[in-house]
Amino acid sequence: MRTSGRSLGLACFGLALGLVFNSLLGPLMLGVIEYRYTETFENQGIGLDAFVLVLAAPLLVAAGVLSLQRHLAAPFLALGPRPCRRT
């Protein structure tokens, strides 16, 4: 249990760092990465970058911290919401 909690925590931190790095290099901040899309799709990409910086990365960091503390909610927070299947 200790190893898996540490692994999940480090994976969450690494993923959050990679997502933030990618979003900062995009057209939202530095413009190093240029999207070759139409203006509408480019705006959606910029919105996705903003979503990552405001919501996704902080939740991944919180899941990483909880995982290192061996909290039971960490895996659920790391996975995020899943759509409900209606049958």
N, C-alpha and C. Protein backbone atom coordinates (compact mmCIF):
# COMPACT_ATOMS: atom_id res chain seq x y z
N MET A 1 0.83 -1.19 0.00
CA MET A 1 0.00 0.00 0.00
C MET A 1 0.87 1.25 0.00
N ARG A 2 1.95 1.25 0.73
CA ARG A 2 2.80 2.43 0.83
C ARG A 2 3.41 2.78 -0.53
N THR A 3 3.87 1.77 -1.26
CA THR A 3 4.50 2.00 -2.55
C THR A 3 3.50 2.53 -3.56
N SER A 4 2.31 1.97 -3.61
CA SER A 4 1.32 2.41 -4.59
C SER A 4 0.85 3.83 -4.29
N GLY A 5 0.74 4.19 -3.02
CA GLY A 5 0.35 5.56 -2.67
C GLY A 5 1.41 6.55 -3.09
N ARG A 6 2.66 6.18 -2.89
CA ARG A 6 3.76 7.06 -3.29
C ARG A 6 3.83 7.16 -4.81
N SER A 7 3.64 6.05 -5.50
CA SER A 7 3.68 6.06 -6.96
C SER A 7 2.56 6.92 -7.53
N LEU A 8 1.37 6.79 -6.99
CA LEU A 8 0.25 7.60 -7.46
C LEU A 8 0.52 9.08 -7.20
N GLY A 9 1.05 9.39 -6.04
CA GLY A 9 1.35 10.79 -5.71
C GLY A 9 2.37 11.38 -6.66
N LEU A 10 3.44 10.65 -6.92
CA LEU A 10 4.46 11.15 -7.84
C LEU A 10 3.92 11.26 -9.27
N ALA A 11 3.08 10.31 -9.66
CA ALA A 11 2.48 10.37 -11.00
C ALA A 11 1.56 11.59 -11.13
N CYS A 12 0.81 11.88 -10.09
CA CYS A 12 -0.07 13.06 -10.12
C CYS A 12 0.75 14.35 -10.22
N PHE A 13 1.83 14.43 -9.45
CA PHE A 13 2.68 15.62 -9.52
C PHE A 13 3.31 15.76 -10.91
N GLY A 14 3.78 14.66 -11.47
CA GLY A 14 4.39 14.70 -12.80
C GLY A 14 3.40 15.10 -13.88
N LEU A 15 2.20 14.55 -13.80
CA LEU A 15 1.17 14.89 -14.78
C LEU A 15 0.76 16.35 -14.66
N ALA A 16 0.60 16.83 -13.43
CA ALA A 16 0.25 18.24 -13.23
C ALA A 16 1.34 19.15 -13.78
N LEU A 17 2.59 18.81 -13.52
CA LEU A 17 3.70 19.61 -14.03
C LEU A 17 3.73 19.63 -15.55
N GLY A 18 3.54 18.47 -16.17
CA GLY A 18 3.53 18.40 -17.63
C GLY A 18 2.38 19.19 -18.24
N LEU A 19 1.20 19.10 -17.65
CA LEU A 19 0.05 19.84 -18.16
C LEU A 19 0.24 21.35 -18.03
N VAL A 20 0.76 21.78 -16.89
CA VAL A 20 1.00 23.21 -16.70
C VAL A 20 2.06 23.71 -17.66
N PHE A 21 3.13 22.95 -17.84
CA PHE A 21 4.19 23.33 -18.76
C PHE A 21 3.65 23.46 -20.18
N ASN A 22 2.84 22.50 -20.61
CA ASN A 22 2.24 22.54 -21.94
C ASN A 22 1.31 23.74 -22.09
N SER A 23 0.51 24.02 -21.07
CA SER A 23 -0.42 25.14 -21.15
C SER A 23 0.30 26.48 -21.16
N LEU A 24 1.38 26.60 -20.41
CA LEU A 24 2.14 27.85 -20.40
C LEU A 24 2.83 28.12 -21.73
N LEU A 25 3.24 27.07 -22.42
CA LEU A 25 3.91 27.23 -23.71
C LEU A 25 2.92 27.51 -24.84
N GLY A 26 1.65 27.27 -24.63
CA GLY A 26 0.64 27.47 -25.65
C GLY A 26 0.30 28.94 -25.86
N PRO A 27 -0.66 29.20 -26.75
CA PRO A 27 -1.01 30.58 -27.10
C PRO A 27 -1.65 31.37 -25.95
N LEU A 28 -2.06 30.69 -24.91
CA LEU A 28 -2.66 31.41 -23.77
C LEU A 28 -1.63 32.28 -23.05
N MET A 29 -0.39 31.81 -22.95
CA MET A 29 0.64 32.55 -22.22
C MET A 29 1.80 32.98 -23.11
N LEU A 30 2.68 32.05 -23.45
CA LEU A 30 3.94 32.41 -24.12
C LEU A 30 3.86 32.34 -25.65
N GLY A 31 2.99 31.53 -26.18
CA GLY A 31 2.84 31.43 -27.62
C GLY A 31 3.94 30.65 -28.33
N VAL A 32 4.70 29.85 -27.59
CA VAL A 32 5.74 29.04 -28.21
C VAL A 32 5.10 27.94 -29.06
N ILE A 33 4.03 27.34 -28.56
CA ILE A 33 3.27 26.34 -29.30
C ILE A 33 2.16 27.06 -30.05
N GLU A 34 2.10 26.85 -31.35
CA GLU A 34 1.04 27.46 -32.16
C GLU A 34 0.12 26.36 -32.66
N TYR A 35 -1.17 26.59 -32.51
CA TYR A 35 -2.16 25.63 -33.00
C TYR A 35 -2.44 25.94 -34.46
N ARG A 36 -2.43 24.92 -35.29
CA ARG A 36 -2.75 25.09 -36.70
C ARG A 36 -4.18 24.67 -36.96
N TYR A 37 -5.08 25.40 -36.35
CA TYR A 37 -6.50 25.13 -36.45
C TYR A 37 -7.20 26.38 -36.93
N THR A 38 -8.49 26.24 -37.17
CA THR A 38 -9.30 27.42 -37.46
C THR A 38 -9.40 28.24 -36.18
N GLU A 39 -9.88 29.44 -36.30
CA GLU A 39 -9.96 30.33 -35.14
C GLU A 39 -10.86 29.75 -34.04
N THR A 40 -11.94 29.10 -34.43
CA THR A 40 -12.85 28.51 -33.45
C THR A 40 -12.15 27.41 -32.65
N PHE A 41 -11.46 26.51 -33.34
CA PHE A 41 -10.77 25.43 -32.65
C PHE A 41 -9.60 25.96 -31.82
N GLU A 42 -8.96 27.00 -32.30
CA GLU A 42 -7.86 27.60 -31.52
C GLU A 42 -8.40 28.18 -30.22
N ASN A 43 -9.55 28.83 -30.28
CA ASN A 43 -10.16 29.36 -29.05
C ASN A 43 -10.52 28.25 -28.09
N GLN A 44 -10.96 27.11 -28.61
CA GLN A 44 -11.26 25.97 -27.74
C GLN A 44 -9.98 25.44 -27.09
N GLY A 45 -8.89 25.42 -27.84
CA GLY A 45 -7.61 25.00 -27.27
C GLY A 45 -7.13 25.94 -26.19
N ILE A 46 -7.31 27.23 -26.40
CA ILE A 46 -6.93 28.22 -25.39
C ILE A 46 -7.79 28.04 -24.14
N GLY A 47 -9.08 27.77 -24.33
CA GLY A 47 -9.96 27.51 -23.20
C GLY A 47 -9.55 26.26 -22.43
N LEU A 48 -9.11 25.24 -23.16
CA LEU A 48 -8.64 24.03 -22.51
C LEU A 48 -7.37 24.30 -21.70
N ASP A 49 -6.48 25.13 -22.23
CA ASP A 49 -5.28 25.51 -21.47
C ASP A 49 -5.65 26.24 -20.19
N ALA A 50 -6.63 27.13 -20.27
CA ALA A 50 -7.08 27.85 -19.07
C ALA A 50 -7.70 26.89 -18.06
N PHE A 51 -8.48 25.93 -18.54
CA PHE A 51 -9.09 24.93 -17.66
C PHE A 51 -8.04 24.12 -16.93
N VAL A 52 -6.98 23.76 -17.64
CA VAL A 52 -5.89 23.00 -17.02
C VAL A 52 -5.25 23.80 -15.91
N LEU A 53 -4.98 25.08 -16.17
CA LEU A 53 -4.30 25.91 -15.17
C LEU A 53 -5.17 26.21 -13.96
N VAL A 54 -6.47 26.35 -14.17
CA VAL A 54 -7.37 26.76 -13.08
C VAL A 54 -7.92 25.57 -12.30
N LEU A 55 -8.21 24.46 -12.98
CA LEU A 55 -8.90 23.38 -12.30
C LEU A 55 -8.14 22.04 -12.30
N ALA A 56 -7.70 21.58 -13.44
CA ALA A 56 -7.14 20.23 -13.54
C ALA A 56 -5.83 20.08 -12.77
N ALA A 57 -4.89 20.99 -12.98
CA ALA A 57 -3.59 20.88 -12.31
C ALA A 57 -3.71 21.01 -10.79
N PRO A 58 -4.48 21.98 -10.27
CA PRO A 58 -4.62 22.03 -8.80
C PRO A 58 -5.26 20.77 -8.21
N LEU A 59 -6.22 20.18 -8.92
CA LEU A 59 -6.83 18.93 -8.43
C LEU A 59 -5.82 17.79 -8.44
N LEU A 60 -4.97 17.74 -9.45
CA LEU A 60 -3.93 16.70 -9.48
C LEU A 60 -2.93 16.88 -8.35
N VAL A 61 -2.57 18.11 -8.05
CA VAL A 61 -1.65 18.36 -6.93
C VAL A 61 -2.30 17.94 -5.62
N ALA A 62 -3.58 18.28 -5.45
CA ALA A 62 -4.30 17.88 -4.23
C ALA A 62 -4.37 16.35 -4.13
N ALA A 63 -4.62 15.67 -5.24
CA ALA A 63 -4.65 14.20 -5.23
C ALA A 63 -3.27 13.64 -4.90
N GLY A 64 -2.22 14.28 -5.39
CA GLY A 64 -0.87 13.83 -5.07
C GLY A 64 -0.55 13.96 -3.60
N VAL A 65 -0.93 15.08 -3.02
CA VAL A 65 -0.68 15.30 -1.58
C VAL A 65 -1.47 14.29 -0.75
N LEU A 66 -2.74 14.09 -1.10
CA LEU A 66 -3.56 13.13 -0.37
C LEU A 66 -3.01 11.71 -0.52
N SER A 67 -2.50 11.41 -1.69
CA SER A 67 -1.94 10.08 -1.92
C SER A 67 -0.70 9.84 -1.06
N LEU A 68 0.14 10.84 -0.95
CA LEU A 68 1.33 10.69 -0.10
C LEU A 68 0.96 10.55 1.37
N GLN A 69 -0.20 11.09 1.74
CA GLN A 69 -0.69 10.95 3.11
C GLN A 69 -1.53 9.68 3.29
N ARG A 70 -1.62 8.88 2.24
CA ARG A 70 -2.38 7.63 2.21
C ARG A 70 -3.86 7.84 2.54
N HIS A 71 -4.43 8.90 2.02
CA HIS A 71 -5.85 9.17 2.20
C HIS A 71 -6.64 8.35 1.19
N LEU A 72 -7.78 7.83 1.60
CA LEU A 72 -8.57 6.96 0.74
C LEU A 72 -9.20 7.69 -0.45
N ALA A 73 -9.37 8.99 -0.36
CA ALA A 73 -10.00 9.75 -1.44
C ALA A 73 -9.04 10.07 -2.58
N ALA A 74 -7.75 9.85 -2.39
CA ALA A 74 -6.75 10.23 -3.39
C ALA A 74 -6.98 9.59 -4.75
N PRO A 75 -7.19 8.27 -4.85
CA PRO A 75 -7.39 7.69 -6.18
C PRO A 75 -8.63 8.21 -6.89
N PHE A 76 -9.68 8.47 -6.13
CA PHE A 76 -10.90 8.98 -6.73
C PHE A 76 -10.72 10.41 -7.24
N LEU A 77 -9.99 11.21 -6.50
CA LEU A 77 -9.72 12.58 -6.93
C LEU A 77 -8.77 12.58 -8.13
N ALA A 78 -7.84 11.66 -8.17
CA ALA A 78 -6.89 11.59 -9.28
C ALA A 78 -7.58 11.16 -10.57
N LEU A 79 -8.56 10.30 -10.48
CA LEU A 79 -9.26 9.84 -11.68
C LEU A 79 -10.22 10.88 -12.23
N GLY A 80 -10.76 11.72 -11.40
CA GLY A 80 -11.70 12.74 -11.84
C GLY A 80 -13.07 12.16 -12.08
N PRO A 81 -14.01 13.02 -12.44
CA PRO A 81 -15.38 12.54 -12.66
C PRO A 81 -15.48 11.69 -13.92
N ARG A 82 -16.31 10.69 -13.84
CA ARG A 82 -16.56 9.84 -15.01
C ARG A 82 -18.03 9.97 -15.38
N PRO A 83 -18.33 9.94 -16.67
CA PRO A 83 -19.73 10.04 -17.07
C PRO A 83 -20.51 8.81 -16.61
N CYS A 84 -21.72 9.04 -16.28
CA CYS A 84 -22.58 7.96 -15.80
C CYS A 84 -23.24 7.29 -17.02
N ARG A 85 -23.18 5.98 -17.06
CA ARG A 85 -23.79 5.24 -18.16
C ARG A 85 -25.24 4.91 -17.80
N ARG A 86 -26.11 5.28 -18.67
CA ARG A 86 -27.53 4.96 -18.47
C ARG A 86 -27.87 3.75 -19.31
N THR A 87 -28.55 2.82 -18.70
CA THR A 87 -28.92 1.63 -19.46
C THR A 87 -30.40 1.54 -19.66
